[in-house]
Protein backbone atom coordinates (compact mmCIF):
# COMPACT_ATOMS: atom_id res chain seq x y z
CA MET A 1 -19.45 -13.14 -6.36
CA LYS A 2 -20.32 -14.98 -9.73
CA LYS A 3 -17.37 -13.16 -11.32
CA LEU A 4 -15.02 -14.49 -8.55
CA ALA A 5 -16.49 -17.94 -9.07
CA ILE A 6 -17.49 -18.33 -5.51
CA PRO A 7 -19.60 -21.48 -5.02
CA GLN A 8 -23.33 -20.88 -4.58
CA PRO A 9 -23.35 -22.14 -0.87
CA VAL A 10 -20.50 -20.07 0.04
CA ALA A 11 -21.98 -16.88 -1.59
CA GLU A 12 -25.23 -17.57 0.27
CA ALA A 13 -23.47 -17.82 3.53
CA ILE A 14 -21.69 -14.66 2.84
CA GLY A 15 -24.86 -12.87 1.81
CA ALA A 16 -26.52 -13.90 5.16
CA LEU A 17 -23.80 -12.52 7.29
CA ARG A 18 -25.60 -9.30 8.03
CA ASP A 19 -28.85 -10.86 9.36
CA GLY A 20 -27.30 -14.09 10.54
CA TRP A 21 -27.72 -15.66 13.97
CA LEU A 22 -25.12 -18.01 15.31
CA ASN A 23 -26.66 -21.48 15.95
CA MET A 24 -25.78 -23.58 18.97
CA PRO A 25 -24.04 -25.78 18.39
CA PRO A 26 -22.37 -24.21 15.28
CA SER A 27 -23.33 -26.49 12.33
CA SER A 28 -23.12 -24.48 9.05
CA LEU A 29 -20.63 -22.28 6.98
CA LEU A 30 -22.70 -19.27 8.22
CA ASP A 31 -22.12 -20.34 11.79
CA THR A 32 -18.30 -20.50 11.01
CA LEU A 33 -18.19 -17.08 9.47
CA LEU A 34 -20.26 -15.49 12.36
CA MET A 35 -17.74 -17.13 14.67
CA ALA A 36 -14.86 -15.86 12.82
CA ASN A 37 -16.28 -12.35 13.01
CA LEU A 38 -16.39 -12.66 16.83
CA PHE A 39 -13.07 -14.14 17.42
CA ALA A 40 -10.72 -13.29 14.66
CA PRO A 41 -8.01 -10.84 15.69
CA VAL A 42 -8.81 -8.69 12.49
CA ASP A 43 -11.97 -7.03 11.08
CA SER A 44 -13.92 -8.88 8.55
CA PRO A 45 -12.96 -7.98 4.97
CA LEU A 46 -16.56 -8.52 3.95
CA GLY A 47 -17.62 -5.16 5.10
CA ILE A 48 -19.76 -6.20 7.94
CA LYS A 49 -20.51 -3.02 9.78
CA GLU A 50 -22.93 -4.25 12.57
CA PRO A 51 -21.41 -3.88 16.08
CA LEU A 52 -20.75 -7.47 17.36
CA PRO A 53 -21.22 -8.48 20.85
CA SER A 54 -18.17 -8.74 23.10
CA ARG A 55 -16.66 -12.23 23.63
CA SER A 56 -18.15 -12.21 27.09
CA GLU A 57 -21.64 -11.85 25.63
CA SER A 58 -21.18 -14.50 22.93
CA ALA A 59 -23.57 -17.31 22.51
CA LEU A 60 -20.58 -19.70 22.88
CA ASP A 61 -20.60 -18.88 26.50
CA PHE A 62 -23.35 -21.38 26.99
CA VAL A 63 -21.50 -24.09 25.30
CA LEU A 64 -17.75 -23.47 26.51
CA ASP A 65 -16.27 -22.27 29.51
CA GLU A 66 -13.70 -19.40 29.43
CA GLU A 67 -10.83 -21.62 29.90
CA THR A 68 -11.77 -24.05 27.07
CA LEU A 69 -12.42 -21.05 24.65
CA GLN A 70 -8.98 -19.71 25.53
CA ASP A 71 -7.46 -23.16 24.71
CA ILE A 72 -9.31 -23.19 21.37
CA LEU A 73 -8.18 -19.54 20.60
CA ARG A 74 -4.49 -20.41 21.60
CA GLU A 75 -4.49 -23.49 19.38
CA ALA A 76 -6.04 -21.52 16.54
CA ASP A 77 -3.19 -18.89 16.84
CA ARG A 78 -0.40 -21.47 16.85
CA THR A 79 -2.03 -23.06 13.66
CA ALA A 80 -2.30 -19.66 12.02
CA ARG A 81 1.34 -18.83 12.95
CA SER A 82 2.67 -22.31 11.56
CA MET A 83 0.67 -21.76 8.29
CA GLY A 84 2.23 -18.41 7.87
CA GLU A 85 5.73 -19.63 8.73
CA ALA A 86 5.33 -22.36 6.02
CA LEU A 87 4.53 -19.64 3.48
CA LEU A 88 7.82 -17.90 4.27
CA VAL A 89 9.97 -20.85 3.29
């Protein structure tokens, strides 16, 4: 990661992914990366091989109801699509 000039805090969060626990409420970069592994529509490029819990067994269920979670995922999808469209210009 040093050869890629990844900042130390980011490298530490990536390194902690394999044994990381998602804190509630999410408050760190590690929490963000763990949530991305749960909800991203593609597999992690970081080689995380541990089986992840299904979304219905996520710790987020204690914080968000299913309707709110679906709203967040739809908004994230719209944002990702608009960012992709901007790259095609």
